[in-house]
Amino acid sequence: MDLTEVKQIIERLERDFNPEVAKDLDVVIQYHISGEDSGDYKIRIKDRTCKIDKGIHDSPNVTISMADKTWLGLFNNTVNPMLAFTTKKIKVKGDFSLAMNIQKIFTP
């Protein structure tokens, strides 16, 4: 089943959070999603927990920006993440290494 809303992906991230992979992390990941289904989401990972809220964090470790269609495509496996990054459909500011490991953190 394809995901069709940004909210569905946020719910999936909460469900798929892997505390064992994130056990040593104390970070904030900021997502800025633009487009019709836009939103700002901050993900706080600390002490093997994950808390996701709407809004903007003052000093995230990494900020990842993209359009809603790109965001949905990543999770529906219709957008290649490296191609989207190299064509600037995904923009990363801050800890690039953290951004590259997000998929591992949110895999059940």
PDB file of N, CA and C in Angstrom:
ATOM      1  N   MET A   1       0.844  -1.182   0.000  1.00  0.00           N
ATOM      2  CA  MET A   1       0.000   0.000   0.000  1.00  0.00           C
ATOM      3  C   MET A   1       0.890   1.245   0.000  1.00  0.00           C
ATOM      4  N   ASP A   2       0.684   2.114  -0.963  1.00  0.00           N
ATOM      5  CA  ASP A   2       1.447   3.347  -1.040  1.00  0.00           C
ATOM      6  C   ASP A   2       0.998   4.335   0.027  1.00  0.00           C
ATOM      7  N   LEU A   3       1.967   5.049   0.547  1.00  0.00           N
ATOM      8  CA  LEU A   3       1.685   6.123   1.489  1.00  0.00           C
ATOM      9  C   LEU A   3       1.341   7.367   0.671  1.00  0.00           C
ATOM     10  N   THR A   4       0.293   8.077   1.062  1.00  0.00           N
ATOM     11  CA  THR A   4      -0.177   9.210   0.270  1.00  0.00           C
ATOM     12  C   THR A   4      -0.161  10.534   1.021  1.00  0.00           C
ATOM     13  N   GLU A   5       0.180  10.498   2.320  1.00  0.00           N
ATOM     14  CA  GLU A   5       0.195  11.719   3.124  1.00  0.00           C
ATOM     15  C   GLU A   5       1.456  11.764   3.980  1.00  0.00           C
ATOM     16  N   VAL A   6       1.990  12.973   4.169  1.00  0.00           N
ATOM     17  CA  VAL A   6       3.164  13.168   5.004  1.00  0.00           C
ATOM     18  C   VAL A   6       2.908  12.611   6.401  1.00  0.00           C
ATOM     19  N   LYS A   7       1.717  12.820   6.936  1.00  0.00           N
ATOM     20  CA  LYS A   7       1.358  12.342   8.280  1.00  0.00           C
ATOM     21  C   LYS A   7       1.530  10.823   8.401  1.00  0.00           C
ATOM     22  N   GLN A   8       1.204  10.088   7.354  1.00  0.00           N
ATOM     23  CA  GLN A   8       1.358   8.634   7.382  1.00  0.00           C
ATOM     24  C   GLN A   8       2.825   8.248   7.570  1.00  0.00           C
ATOM     25  N   ILE A   9       3.712   9.012   6.953  1.00  0.00           N
ATOM     26  CA  ILE A   9       5.142   8.719   7.069  1.00  0.00           C
ATOM     27  C   ILE A   9       5.627   9.021   8.476  1.00  0.00           C
ATOM     28  N   ILE A  10       5.174  10.125   9.044  1.00  0.00           N
ATOM     29  CA  ILE A  10       5.553  10.460  10.417  1.00  0.00           C
ATOM     30  C   ILE A  10       5.112   9.341  11.364  1.00  0.00           C
ATOM     31  N   GLU A  11       3.893   8.861  11.204  1.00  0.00           N
ATOM     32  CA  GLU A  11       3.400   7.762  12.033  1.00  0.00           C
ATOM     33  C   GLU A  11       4.239   6.502  11.830  1.00  0.00           C
ATOM     34  N   ARG A  12       4.647   6.272  10.607  1.00  0.00           N
ATOM     35  CA  ARG A  12       5.478   5.110  10.299  1.00  0.00           C
ATOM     36  C   ARG A  12       6.848   5.231  10.959  1.00  0.00           C
ATOM     37  N   LEU A  13       7.414   6.443  10.953  1.00  0.00           N
ATOM     38  CA  LEU A  13       8.712   6.648  11.603  1.00  0.00           C
ATOM     39  C   LEU A  13       8.623   6.325  13.088  1.00  0.00           C
ATOM     40  N   GLU A  14       7.574   6.782  13.736  1.00  0.00           N
ATOM     41  CA  GLU A  14       7.390   6.490  15.164  1.00  0.00           C
ATOM     42  C   GLU A  14       7.298   4.983  15.402  1.00  0.00           C
ATOM     43  N   ARG A  15       6.578   4.309  14.549  1.00  0.00           N
ATOM     44  CA  ARG A  15       6.383   2.862  14.683  1.00  0.00           C
ATOM     45  C   ARG A  15       7.677   2.091  14.406  1.00  0.00           C
ATOM     46  N   ASP A  16       8.468   2.551  13.426  1.00  0.00           N
ATOM     47  CA  ASP A  16       9.639   1.818  12.974  1.00  0.00           C
ATOM     48  C   ASP A  16      10.937   2.202  13.696  1.00  0.00           C
ATOM     49  N   PHE A  17      10.859   3.092  14.665  1.00  0.00           N
ATOM     50  CA  PHE A  17      12.049   3.513  15.398  1.00  0.00           C
ATOM     51  C   PHE A  17      12.726   2.302  16.046  1.00  0.00           C
ATOM     52  N   ASN A  18      14.039   2.189  15.851  1.00  0.00           N
ATOM     53  CA  ASN A  18      14.799   1.074  16.385  1.00  0.00           C
ATOM     54  C   ASN A  18      15.719   1.583  17.503  1.00  0.00           C
ATOM     55  N   PRO A  19      15.323   1.419  18.758  1.00  0.00           N
ATOM     56  CA  PRO A  19      16.111   1.959  19.870  1.00  0.00           C
ATOM     57  C   PRO A  19      17.505   1.345  19.990  1.00  0.00           C
ATOM     58  N   GLU A  20      17.683   0.114  19.523  1.00  0.00           N
ATOM     59  CA  GLU A  20      19.010  -0.515  19.600  1.00  0.00           C
ATOM     60  C   GLU A  20      20.000   0.173  18.669  1.00  0.00           C
ATOM     61  N   VAL A  21      19.557   0.546  17.494  1.00  0.00           N
ATOM     62  CA  VAL A  21      20.433   1.249  16.550  1.00  0.00           C
ATOM     63  C   VAL A  21      20.729   2.657  17.059  1.00  0.00           C
ATOM     64  N   ALA A  22      19.765   3.255  17.717  1.00  0.00           N
ATOM     65  CA  ALA A  22      19.878   4.641  18.179  1.00  0.00           C
ATOM     66  C   ALA A  22      20.381   4.757  19.621  1.00  0.00           C
ATOM     67  N   LYS A  23      20.881   3.682  20.185  1.00  0.00           N
ATOM     68  CA  LYS A  23      21.177   3.647  21.620  1.00  0.00           C
ATOM     69  C   LYS A  23      22.169   4.707  22.088  1.00  0.00           C
ATOM     70  N   ASP A  24      23.108   5.115  21.272  1.00  0.00           N
ATOM     71  CA  ASP A  24      24.109   6.098  21.689  1.00  0.00           C
ATOM     72  C   ASP A  24      23.821   7.502  21.177  1.00  0.00           C
ATOM     73  N   LEU A  25      22.689   7.699  20.543  1.00  0.00           N
ATOM     74  CA  LEU A  25      22.394   9.003  19.942  1.00  0.00           C
ATOM     75  C   LEU A  25      21.728   9.961  20.921  1.00  0.00           C
ATOM     76  N   ASP A  26      22.069  11.221  20.762  1.00  0.00           N
ATOM     77  CA  ASP A  26      21.421  12.333  21.455  1.00  0.00           C
ATOM     78  C   ASP A  26      21.370  13.453  20.413  1.00  0.00           C
ATOM     79  N   VAL A  27      20.338  13.408  19.562  1.00  0.00           N
ATOM     80  CA  VAL A  27      20.278  14.284  18.394  1.00  0.00           C
ATOM     81  C   VAL A  27      18.860  14.788  18.140  1.00  0.00           C
ATOM     82  N   VAL A  28      18.801  15.840  17.319  1.00  0.00           N
ATOM     83  CA  VAL A  28      17.524  16.330  16.806  1.00  0.00           C
ATOM     84  C   VAL A  28      17.628  16.370  15.289  1.00  0.00           C
ATOM     85  N   ILE A  29      16.648  15.743  14.646  1.00  0.00           N
ATOM     86  CA  ILE A  29      16.532  15.750  13.187  1.00  0.00           C
ATOM     87  C   ILE A  29      15.351  16.642  12.839  1.00  0.00           C
ATOM     88  N   GLN A  30      15.578  17.605  11.982  1.00  0.00           N
ATOM     89  CA  GLN A  30      14.515  18.528  11.554  1.00  0.00           C
ATOM     90  C   GLN A  30      14.167  18.226  10.103  1.00  0.00           C
ATOM     91  N   TYR A  31      12.892  18.023   9.841  1.00  0.00           N
ATOM     92  CA  TYR A  31      12.407  17.877   8.471  1.00  0.00           C
ATOM     93  C   TYR A  31      11.600  19.105   8.097  1.00  0.00           C
ATOM     94  N   HIS A  32      11.879  19.639   6.933  1.00  0.00           N
ATOM     95  CA  HIS A  32      11.068  20.723   6.369  1.00  0.00           C
ATOM     96  C   HIS A  32      10.500  20.181   5.062  1.00  0.00           C
ATOM     97  N   ILE A  33       9.197  19.963   5.042  1.00  0.00           N
ATOM     98  CA  ILE A  33       8.510  19.425   3.866  1.00  0.00           C
ATOM     99  C   ILE A  33       7.683  20.544   3.254  1.00  0.00           C
ATOM    100  N   SER A  34       7.943  20.829   1.989  1.00  0.00           N
ATOM    101  CA  SER A  34       7.205  21.884   1.283  1.00  0.00           C
ATOM    102  C   SER A  34       6.183  21.255   0.339  1.00  0.00           C
ATOM    103  N   GLY A  35       5.305  22.069  -0.192  1.00  0.00           N
ATOM    104  CA  GLY A  35       4.298  21.588  -1.138  1.00  0.00           C
ATOM    105  C   GLY A  35       2.906  21.626  -0.539  1.00  0.00           C
ATOM    106  N   GLU A  36       1.970  20.987  -1.212  1.00  0.00           N
ATOM    107  CA  GLU A  36       0.572  20.980  -0.765  1.00  0.00           C
ATOM    108  C   GLU A  36       0.392  20.329   0.606  1.00  0.00           C
ATOM    109  N   ASP A  37       1.172  19.287   0.870  1.00  0.00           N
ATOM    110  CA  ASP A  37       1.079  18.555   2.139  1.00  0.00           C
ATOM    111  C   ASP A  37       2.321  18.887   2.980  1.00  0.00           C
ATOM    112  N   SER A  38       2.549  20.168   3.195  1.00  0.00           N
ATOM    113  CA  SER A  38       3.780  20.638   3.836  1.00  0.00           C
ATOM    114  C   SER A  38       3.720  20.540   5.354  1.00  0.00           C
ATOM    115  N   GLY A  39       4.880  20.676   5.958  1.00  0.00           N
ATOM    116  CA  GLY A  39       4.957  20.688   7.409  1.00  0.00           C
ATOM    117  C   GLY A  39       6.399  20.670   7.880  1.00  0.00           C
ATOM    118  N   ASP A  40       6.598  21.079   9.111  1.00  0.00           N
ATOM    119  CA  ASP A  40       7.900  21.021   9.757  1.00  0.00           C
ATOM    120  C   ASP A  40       7.789  20.046  10.918  1.00  0.00           C
ATOM    121  N   TYR A  41       8.734  19.124  10.989  1.00  0.00           N
ATOM    122  CA  TYR A  41       8.716  18.091  12.023  1.00  0.00           C
ATOM    123  C   TYR A  41      10.093  17.982  12.651  1.00  0.00           C
ATOM    124  N   LYS A  42      10.131  17.921  13.969  1.00  0.00           N
ATOM    125  CA  LYS A  42      11.376  17.746  14.694  1.00  0.00           C
ATOM    126  C   LYS A  42      11.341  16.401  15.400  1.00  0.00           C
ATOM    127  N   ILE A  43      12.424  15.677  15.252  1.00  0.00           N
ATOM    128  CA  ILE A  43      12.534  14.346  15.831  1.00  0.00           C
ATOM    129  C   ILE A  43      13.666  14.377  16.851  1.00  0.00           C
ATOM    130  N   ARG A  44      13.335  14.157  18.101  1.00  0.00           N
ATOM    131  CA  ARG A  44      14.320  14.140  19.181  1.00  0.00           C
ATOM    132  C   ARG A  44      14.608  12.695  19.536  1.00  0.00           C
ATOM    133  N   ILE A  45      15.881  12.295  19.402  1.00  0.00           N
ATOM    134  CA  ILE A  45      16.305  10.944  19.747  1.00  0.00           C
ATOM    135  C   ILE A  45      17.293  11.061  20.898  1.00  0.00           C
ATOM    136  N   LYS A  46      16.944  10.434  22.021  1.00  0.00           N
ATOM    137  CA  LYS A  46      17.787  10.490  23.217  1.00  0.00           C
ATOM    138  C   LYS A  46      17.400   9.331  24.136  1.00  0.00           C
ATOM    139  N   ASP A  47      18.395   8.728  24.744  1.00  0.00           N
ATOM    140  CA  ASP A  47      18.165   7.633  25.696  1.00  0.00           C
ATOM    141  C   ASP A  47      17.272   6.536  25.123  1.00  0.00           C
ATOM    142  N   ARG A  48      17.553   6.161  23.881  1.00  0.00           N
ATOM    143  CA  ARG A  48      16.814   5.086  23.196  1.00  0.00           C
ATOM    144  C   ARG A  48      15.328   5.389  23.000  1.00  0.00           C
ATOM    145  N   THR A  49      14.983   6.667  23.003  1.00  0.00           N
ATOM    146  CA  THR A  49      13.595   7.058  22.751  1.00  0.00           C
ATOM    147  C   THR A  49      13.539   7.998  21.559  1.00  0.00           C
ATOM    148  N   CYS A  50      12.359   8.098  20.989  1.00  0.00           N
ATOM    149  CA  CYS A  50      12.123   8.960  19.837  1.00  0.00           C
ATOM    150  C   CYS A  50      10.833   9.732  20.081  1.00  0.00           C
ATOM    151  N   LYS A  51      10.933  11.049  19.980  1.00  0.00           N
ATOM    152  CA  LYS A  51       9.753  11.896  20.138  1.00  0.00           C
ATOM    153  C   LYS A  51       9.642  12.773  18.896  1.00  0.00           C
ATOM    154  N   ILE A  52       8.514  12.714  18.238  1.00  0.00           N
ATOM    155  CA  ILE A  52       8.296  13.489  17.014  1.00  0.00           C
ATOM    156  C   ILE A  52       7.193  14.504  17.270  1.00  0.00           C
ATOM    157  N   ASP A  53       7.502  15.762  16.961  1.00  0.00           N
ATOM    158  CA  ASP A  53       6.545  16.848  17.131  1.00  0.00           C
ATOM    159  C   ASP A  53       6.539  17.715  15.885  1.00  0.00           C
ATOM    160  N   LYS A  54       5.422  18.380  15.666  1.00  0.00           N
ATOM    161  CA  LYS A  54       5.365  19.399  14.624  1.00  0.00           C
ATOM    162  C   LYS A  54       6.135  20.609  15.125  1.00  0.00           C
ATOM    163  N   GLY A  55       6.705  21.363  14.201  1.00  0.00           N
ATOM    164  CA  GLY A  55       7.380  22.590  14.574  1.00  0.00           C
ATOM    165  C   GLY A  55       8.837  22.614  14.170  1.00  0.00           C
ATOM    166  N   ILE A  56       9.496  23.689  14.571  1.00  0.00           N
ATOM    167  CA  ILE A  56      10.892  23.929  14.201  1.00  0.00           C
ATOM    168  C   ILE A  56      11.741  23.980  15.468  1.00  0.00           C
ATOM    169  N   HIS A  57      12.824  23.236  15.458  1.00  0.00           N
ATOM    170  CA  HIS A  57      13.778  23.226  16.565  1.00  0.00           C
ATOM    171  C   HIS A  57      14.802  24.352  16.351  1.00  0.00           C
ATOM    172  N   ASP A  58      15.249  24.964  17.428  1.00  0.00           N
ATOM    173  CA  ASP A  58      16.195  26.076  17.347  1.00  0.00           C
ATOM    174  C   ASP A  58      17.565  25.677  16.802  1.00  0.00           C
ATOM    175  N   SER A  59      18.040  24.498  17.161  1.00  0.00           N
ATOM    176  CA  SER A  59      19.382  24.097  16.726  1.00  0.00           C
ATOM    177  C   SER A  59      19.464  22.583  16.502  1.00  0.00           C
ATOM    178  N   PRO A  60      18.827  22.104  15.429  1.00  0.00           N
ATOM    179  CA  PRO A  60      18.877  20.670  15.147  1.00  0.00           C
ATOM    180  C   PRO A  60      20.281  20.252  14.708  1.00  0.00           C
ATOM    181  N   ASN A  61      20.580  18.978  14.864  1.00  0.00           N
ATOM    182  CA  ASN A  61      21.848  18.447  14.381  1.00  0.00           C
ATOM    183  C   ASN A  61      21.881  18.390  12.860  1.00  0.00           C
ATOM    184  N   VAL A  62      20.720  18.139  12.278  1.00  0.00           N
ATOM    185  CA  VAL A  62      20.608  18.104  10.822  1.00  0.00           C
ATOM    186  C   VAL A  62      19.213  18.568  10.412  1.00  0.00           C
ATOM    187  N   THR A  63      19.165  19.322   9.325  1.00  0.00           N
ATOM    188  CA  THR A  63      17.893  19.736   8.736  1.00  0.00           C
ATOM    189  C   THR A  63      17.831  19.168   7.330  1.00  0.00           C
ATOM    190  N   ILE A  64      16.729  18.494   7.043  1.00  0.00           N
ATOM    191  CA  ILE A  64      16.530  17.883   5.733  1.00  0.00           C
ATOM    192  C   ILE A  64      15.288  18.506   5.123  1.00  0.00           C
ATOM    193  N   SER A  65      15.456  19.084   3.933  1.00  0.00           N
ATOM    194  CA  SER A  65      14.363  19.784   3.259  1.00  0.00           C
ATOM    195  C   SER A  65      14.073  19.125   1.923  1.00  0.00           C
ATOM    196  N   MET A  66      12.773  19.017   1.616  1.00  0.00           N
ATOM    197  CA  MET A  66      12.350  18.460   0.333  1.00  0.00           C
ATOM    198  C   MET A  66      10.864  18.728   0.130  1.00  0.00           C
ATOM    199  N   ALA A  67      10.410  18.539  -1.083  1.00  0.00           N
ATOM    200  CA  ALA A  67       8.987  18.677  -1.404  1.00  0.00           C
ATOM    201  C   ALA A  67       8.229  17.439  -0.927  1.00  0.00           C
ATOM    202  N   ASP A  68       6.953  17.620  -0.680  1.00  0.00           N
ATOM    203  CA  ASP A  68       6.122  16.506  -0.223  1.00  0.00           C
ATOM    204  C   ASP A  68       6.130  15.344  -1.203  1.00  0.00           C
ATOM    205  N   LYS A  69       6.159  15.629  -2.490  1.00  0.00           N
ATOM    206  CA  LYS A  69       6.155  14.557  -3.493  1.00  0.00           C
ATOM    207  C   LYS A  69       7.454  13.737  -3.433  1.00  0.00           C
ATOM    208  N   THR A  70       8.564  14.401  -3.149  1.00  0.00           N
ATOM    209  CA  THR A  70       9.836  13.692  -2.986  1.00  0.00           C
ATOM    210  C   THR A  70       9.796  12.833  -1.735  1.00  0.00           C
ATOM    211  N   TRP A  71       9.304  13.401  -0.641  1.00  0.00           N
ATOM    212  CA  TRP A  71       9.184  12.690   0.644  1.00  0.00           C
ATOM    213  C   TRP A  71       8.359  11.413   0.475  1.00  0.00           C
ATOM    214  N   LEU A  72       7.202  11.546  -0.172  1.00  0.00           N
ATOM    215  CA  LEU A  72       6.342  10.384  -0.404  1.00  0.00           C
ATOM    216  C   LEU A  72       7.033   9.369  -1.308  1.00  0.00           C
ATOM    217  N   GLY A  73       7.717   9.859  -2.334  1.00  0.00           N
ATOM    218  CA  GLY A  73       8.421   8.970  -3.251  1.00  0.00           C
ATOM    219  C   GLY A  73       9.529   8.175  -2.577  1.00  0.00           C
ATOM    220  N   LEU A  74      10.223   8.788  -1.644  1.00  0.00           N
ATOM    221  CA  LEU A  74      11.276   8.070  -0.910  1.00  0.00           C
ATOM    222  C   LEU A  74      10.698   6.878  -0.160  1.00  0.00           C
ATOM    223  N   PHE A  75       9.588   7.091   0.513  1.00  0.00           N
ATOM    224  CA  PHE A  75       8.998   6.034   1.326  1.00  0.00           C
ATOM    225  C   PHE A  75       8.203   5.024   0.510  1.00  0.00           C
ATOM    226  N   ASN A  76       7.802   5.408  -0.689  1.00  0.00           N
ATOM    227  CA  ASN A  76       7.103   4.474  -1.578  1.00  0.00           C
ATOM    228  C   ASN A  76       8.058   3.806  -2.562  1.00  0.00           C
ATOM    229  N   ASN A  77       9.361   4.076  -2.383  1.00  0.00           N
ATOM    230  CA  ASN A  77      10.412   3.496  -3.226  1.00  0.00           C
ATOM    231  C   ASN A  77      10.259   3.844  -4.703  1.00  0.00           C
ATOM    232  N   THR A  78       9.758   5.053  -4.987  1.00  0.00           N
ATOM    233  CA  THR A  78       9.669   5.508  -6.374  1.00  0.00           C
ATOM    234  C   THR A  78      10.666   6.631  -6.651  1.00  0.00           C
ATOM    235  N   VAL A  79      11.391   7.071  -5.619  1.00  0.00           N
ATOM    236  CA  VAL A  79      12.419   8.099  -5.759  1.00  0.00           C
ATOM    237  C   VAL A  79      13.721   7.535  -5.208  1.00  0.00           C
ATOM    238  N   ASN A  80      14.776   7.625  -5.995  1.00  0.00           N
ATOM    239  CA  ASN A  80      16.099   7.192  -5.582  1.00  0.00           C
ATOM    240  C   ASN A  80      16.706   8.277  -4.690  1.00  0.00           C
ATOM    241  N   PRO A  81      17.041   7.965  -3.434  1.00  0.00           N
ATOM    242  CA  PRO A  81      17.522   8.997  -2.523  1.00  0.00           C
ATOM    243  C   PRO A  81      18.808   9.677  -2.980  1.00  0.00           C
ATOM    244  N   MET A  82      19.763   8.937  -3.511  1.00  0.00           N
ATOM    245  CA  MET A  82      21.018   9.548  -3.955  1.00  0.00           C
ATOM    246  C   MET A  82      20.798  10.444  -5.172  1.00  0.00           C
ATOM    247  N   LEU A  83      19.958  10.017  -6.091  1.00  0.00           N
ATOM    248  CA  LEU A  83      19.652  10.844  -7.250  1.00  0.00           C
ATOM    249  C   LEU A  83      18.911  12.107  -6.822  1.00  0.00           C
ATOM    250  N   ALA A  84      17.980  11.972  -5.903  1.00  0.00           N
ATOM    251  CA  ALA A  84      17.246  13.142  -5.406  1.00  0.00           C
ATOM    252  C   ALA A  84      18.191  14.114  -4.715  1.00  0.00           C
ATOM    253  N   PHE A  85      19.173  13.607  -3.982  1.00  0.00           N
ATOM    254  CA  PHE A  85      20.136  14.476  -3.316  1.00  0.00           C
ATOM    255  C   PHE A  85      21.040  15.178  -4.332  1.00  0.00           C
ATOM    256  N   THR A  86      21.551  14.422  -5.290  1.00  0.00           N
ATOM    257  CA  THR A  86      22.481  15.023  -6.259  1.00  0.00           C
ATOM    258  C   THR A  86      21.778  16.001  -7.198  1.00  0.00           C
ATOM    259  N   THR A  87      20.485  15.859  -7.376  1.00  0.00           N
ATOM    260  CA  THR A  87      19.739  16.805  -8.217  1.00  0.00           C
ATOM    261  C   THR A  87      19.080  17.903  -7.382  1.00  0.00           C
ATOM    262  N   LYS A  88      19.475  17.964  -6.096  1.00  0.00           N
ATOM    263  CA  LYS A  88      19.035  19.005  -5.158  1.00  0.00           C
ATOM    264  C   LYS A  88      17.534  18.985  -4.848  1.00  0.00           C
ATOM    265  N   LYS A  89      16.912  17.825  -5.032  1.00  0.00           N
ATOM    266  CA  LYS A  89      15.522  17.674  -4.600  1.00  0.00           C
ATOM    267  C   LYS A  89      15.461  17.433  -3.098  1.00  0.00           C
ATOM    268  N   ILE A  90      16.591  16.985  -2.541  1.00  0.00           N
ATOM    269  CA  ILE A  90      16.747  16.850  -1.099  1.00  0.00           C
ATOM    270  C   ILE A  90      17.934  17.722  -0.708  1.00  0.00           C
ATOM    271  N   LYS A  91      17.727  18.567   0.292  1.00  0.00           N
ATOM    272  CA  LYS A  91      18.801  19.433   0.773  1.00  0.00           C
ATOM    273  C   LYS A  91      19.087  19.083   2.224  1.00  0.00           C
ATOM    274  N   VAL A  92      20.360  18.961   2.544  1.00  0.00           N
ATOM    275  CA  VAL A  92      20.795  18.597   3.891  1.00  0.00           C
ATOM    276  C   VAL A  92      21.689  19.705   4.429  1.00  0.00           C
ATOM    277  N   LYS A  93      21.375  20.152   5.637  1.00  0.00           N
ATOM    278  CA  LYS A  93      22.191  21.156   6.315  1.00  0.00           C
ATOM    279  C   LYS A  93      22.548  20.604   7.692  1.00  0.00           C
ATOM    280  N   GLY A  94      23.840  20.557   7.990  1.00  0.00           N
ATOM    281  CA  GLY A  94      24.269  20.037   9.289  1.00  0.00           C
ATOM    282  C   GLY A  94      24.967  18.705   9.142  1.00  0.00           C
ATOM    283  N   ASP A  95      24.715  17.793  10.073  1.00  0.00           N
ATOM    284  CA  ASP A  95      25.411  16.512  10.184  1.00  0.00           C
ATOM    285  C   ASP A  95      24.986  15.560   9.054  1.00  0.00           C
ATOM    286  N   PHE A  96      25.794  15.553   7.996  1.00  0.00           N
ATOM    287  CA  PHE A  96      25.487  14.733   6.827  1.00  0.00           C
ATOM    288  C   PHE A  96      25.533  13.246   7.168  1.00  0.00           C
ATOM    289  N   SER A  97      26.443  12.862   8.043  1.00  0.00           N
ATOM    290  CA  SER A  97      26.557  11.459   8.448  1.00  0.00           C
ATOM    291  C   SER A  97      25.266  10.978   9.125  1.00  0.00           C
ATOM    292  N   LEU A  98      24.695  11.814   9.977  1.00  0.00           N
ATOM    293  CA  LEU A  98      23.421  11.486  10.615  1.00  0.00           C
ATOM    294  C   LEU A  98      22.329  11.317   9.563  1.00  0.00           C
ATOM    295  N   ALA A  99      22.290  12.234   8.615  1.00  0.00           N
ATOM    296  CA  ALA A  99      21.283  12.151   7.542  1.00  0.00           C
ATOM    297  C   ALA A  99      21.402  10.841   6.768  1.00  0.00           C
ATOM    298  N   MET A 100      22.628  10.400   6.533  1.00  0.00           N
ATOM    299  CA  MET A 100      22.845   9.170   5.771  1.00  0.00           C
ATOM    300  C   MET A 100      22.437   7.916   6.562  1.00  0.00           C
ATOM    301  N   ASN A 101      22.349   8.025   7.883  1.00  0.00           N
ATOM    302  CA  ASN A 101      22.025   6.865   8.714  1.00  0.00           C
ATOM    303  C   ASN A 101      20.587   6.835   9.209  1.00  0.00           C
ATOM    304  N   ILE A 102      19.774   7.782   8.787  1.00  0.00           N
ATOM    305  CA  ILE A 102      18.389   7.831   9.250  1.00  0.00           C
ATOM    306  C   ILE A 102      17.629   6.552   8.904  1.00  0.00           C
ATOM    307  N   GLN A 103      17.870   6.024   7.726  1.00  0.00           N
ATOM    308  CA  GLN A 103      17.158   4.815   7.316  1.00  0.00           C
ATOM    309  C   GLN A 103      17.416   3.665   8.296  1.00  0.00           C
ATOM    310  N   LYS A 104      18.632   3.560   8.819  1.00  0.00           N
ATOM    311  CA  LYS A 104      18.959   2.491   9.772  1.00  0.00           C
ATOM    312  C   LYS A 104      18.246   2.713  11.106  1.00  0.00           C
ATOM    313  N   ILE A 105      18.096   3.977  11.511  1.00  0.00           N
ATOM    314  CA  ILE A 105      17.478   4.299  12.793  1.00  0.00           C
ATOM    315  C   ILE A 105      15.988   3.968  12.790  1.00  0.00           C
ATOM    316  N   PHE A 106      15.369   4.070  11.620  1.00  0.00           N
ATOM    317  CA  PHE A 106      13.926   3.863  11.512  1.00  0.00           C
ATOM    318  C   PHE A 106      13.601   2.598  10.720  1.00  0.00           C
ATOM    319  N   THR A 107      14.266   1.507  11.095  1.00  0.00           N
ATOM    320  CA  THR A 107      13.985   0.214  10.497  1.00  0.00           C
ATOM    321  C   THR A 107      13.661  -0.746  11.627  1.00  0.00           C
ATOM    322  N   PRO A 108      12.462  -1.316  11.601  1.00  0.00           N
ATOM    323  CA  PRO A 108      12.066  -2.201  12.716  1.00  0.00           C
ATOM    324  C   PRO A 108      12.921  -3.456  12.784  1.00  0.00           C
TER     325      PRO A 108
END
